[in-house]
Structure formats: structure tokens, C-alpha cells
């Protein structure tokens, strides 16, 4: 557990977090195929 937390901390520390706003094609497609 400690090793996993340390690895995640190192990755997040050096990462660039990107946030995308808008509709997700994959989510829309998944929901439309589930209804059929």
C-alpha cells in the first residue's frame, strides 16, 4: 500500500492534468448501444 501511494504521488507530481469539457463520443456511443 505504501509503495503504491509513493508511486502514484511521484507520477502525479510530474504529470500535467488535462481537463476536457464537452460531450464524450465514447459515453454517448456506449449509452446508445445499451438502449438498443
N, C-alpha and C. Protein backbone atom coordinates (compact mmCIF):
# COMPACT_ATOMS: atom_id res chain seq x y z
N UNK A 1 0.82 -1.19 0.00
CA UNK A 1 0.00 0.00 0.00
C UNK A 1 0.87 1.26 0.00
N UNK A 2 1.91 1.26 0.80
CA UNK A 2 2.79 2.43 0.84
C UNK A 2 3.53 2.62 -0.48
N UNK A 3 3.97 1.53 -1.07
CA UNK A 3 4.69 1.62 -2.34
C UNK A 3 3.78 2.16 -3.43
N UNK A 4 2.55 1.69 -3.46
CA UNK A 4 1.59 2.18 -4.46
C UNK A 4 1.33 3.66 -4.27
N UNK A 5 1.14 4.09 -3.04
CA UNK A 5 0.91 5.50 -2.75
C UNK A 5 2.11 6.35 -3.16
N UNK A 6 3.31 5.85 -2.92
CA UNK A 6 4.52 6.59 -3.29
C UNK A 6 4.65 6.69 -4.81
N UNK A 7 4.35 5.62 -5.53
CA UNK A 7 4.42 5.64 -6.98
C UNK A 7 3.40 6.60 -7.58
N UNK A 8 2.18 6.56 -7.07
CA UNK A 8 1.13 7.48 -7.56
C UNK A 8 1.53 8.91 -7.26
N UNK A 9 2.07 9.16 -6.09
CA UNK A 9 2.50 10.51 -5.72
C UNK A 9 3.57 11.02 -6.68
N UNK A 10 4.53 10.18 -7.03
CA UNK A 10 5.59 10.58 -7.96
C UNK A 10 5.03 10.86 -9.36
N UNK A 11 4.10 10.03 -9.82
CA UNK A 11 3.52 10.23 -11.14
C UNK A 11 2.70 11.51 -11.20
N UNK A 12 1.89 11.75 -10.19
CA UNK A 12 1.03 12.93 -10.18
C UNK A 12 1.87 14.20 -10.03
N UNK A 13 2.94 14.12 -9.27
CA UNK A 13 3.80 15.28 -9.06
C UNK A 13 4.39 15.79 -10.38
N UNK A 14 4.75 14.88 -11.28
CA UNK A 14 5.38 15.26 -12.54
C UNK A 14 4.38 15.30 -13.71
N UNK A 15 3.13 15.08 -13.43
CA UNK A 15 2.14 14.99 -14.50
C UNK A 15 1.51 16.35 -14.80
N UNK A 16 1.00 16.47 -16.00
CA UNK A 16 0.18 17.61 -16.39
C UNK A 16 -1.26 17.11 -16.45
N UNK A 17 -2.13 17.71 -15.67
CA UNK A 17 -3.52 17.29 -15.62
C UNK A 17 -4.30 18.06 -16.69
N UNK A 18 -4.94 17.33 -17.58
CA UNK A 18 -5.73 17.94 -18.64
C UNK A 18 -7.20 17.69 -18.37
N UNK A 19 -7.99 18.72 -18.49
CA UNK A 19 -9.43 18.60 -18.29
C UNK A 19 -10.13 18.94 -19.59
N UNK A 20 -10.97 18.05 -20.05
CA UNK A 20 -11.71 18.25 -21.28
C UNK A 20 -13.18 18.47 -20.95
N UNK A 21 -13.72 19.54 -21.45
CA UNK A 21 -15.14 19.83 -21.25
C UNK A 21 -15.88 19.49 -22.54
N UNK A 22 -17.10 19.07 -22.41
CA UNK A 22 -17.88 18.76 -23.59
C UNK A 22 -18.37 17.34 -23.56
N UNK A 23 -19.08 16.98 -24.61
CA UNK A 23 -19.69 15.66 -24.70
C UNK A 23 -18.67 14.60 -25.08
N UNK A 24 -18.78 13.44 -24.47
CA UNK A 24 -17.90 12.33 -24.76
C UNK A 24 -18.52 11.44 -25.84
N UNK A 25 -17.80 11.26 -26.94
CA UNK A 25 -18.28 10.38 -28.01
C UNK A 25 -18.42 8.95 -27.51
N UNK A 26 -17.45 8.48 -26.75
CA UNK A 26 -17.49 7.09 -26.27
C UNK A 26 -18.66 6.86 -25.31
N UNK A 27 -18.90 7.82 -24.42
CA UNK A 27 -20.02 7.68 -23.49
C UNK A 27 -21.34 7.69 -24.25
N UNK A 28 -21.49 8.63 -25.19
CA UNK A 28 -22.73 8.71 -25.98
C UNK A 28 -22.94 7.42 -26.76
N UNK A 29 -21.88 6.90 -27.36
CA UNK A 29 -21.99 5.66 -28.15
C UNK A 29 -22.33 4.47 -27.25
N UNK A 30 -21.72 4.40 -26.09
CA UNK A 30 -21.98 3.31 -25.15
C UNK A 30 -23.43 3.34 -24.69
N UNK A 31 -23.93 4.53 -24.40
CA UNK A 31 -25.31 4.65 -23.95
C UNK A 31 -26.31 4.33 -25.06
N UNK A 32 -25.98 4.72 -26.29
CA UNK A 32 -26.90 4.45 -27.40
C UNK A 32 -26.95 2.97 -27.75
N UNK A 33 -25.84 2.26 -27.63
CA UNK A 33 -25.84 0.81 -27.92
C UNK A 33 -26.51 0.04 -26.79
N UNK A 34 -26.44 0.57 -25.57
CA UNK A 34 -27.07 -0.10 -24.43
C UNK A 34 -28.59 -0.05 -24.54
N UNK A 35 -29.13 1.03 -25.10
CA UNK A 35 -30.58 1.18 -25.22
C UNK A 35 -31.15 0.24 -26.27
N UNK A 36 -30.37 -0.06 -27.32
CA UNK A 36 -30.86 -0.90 -28.43
C UNK A 36 -30.94 -2.33 -28.06
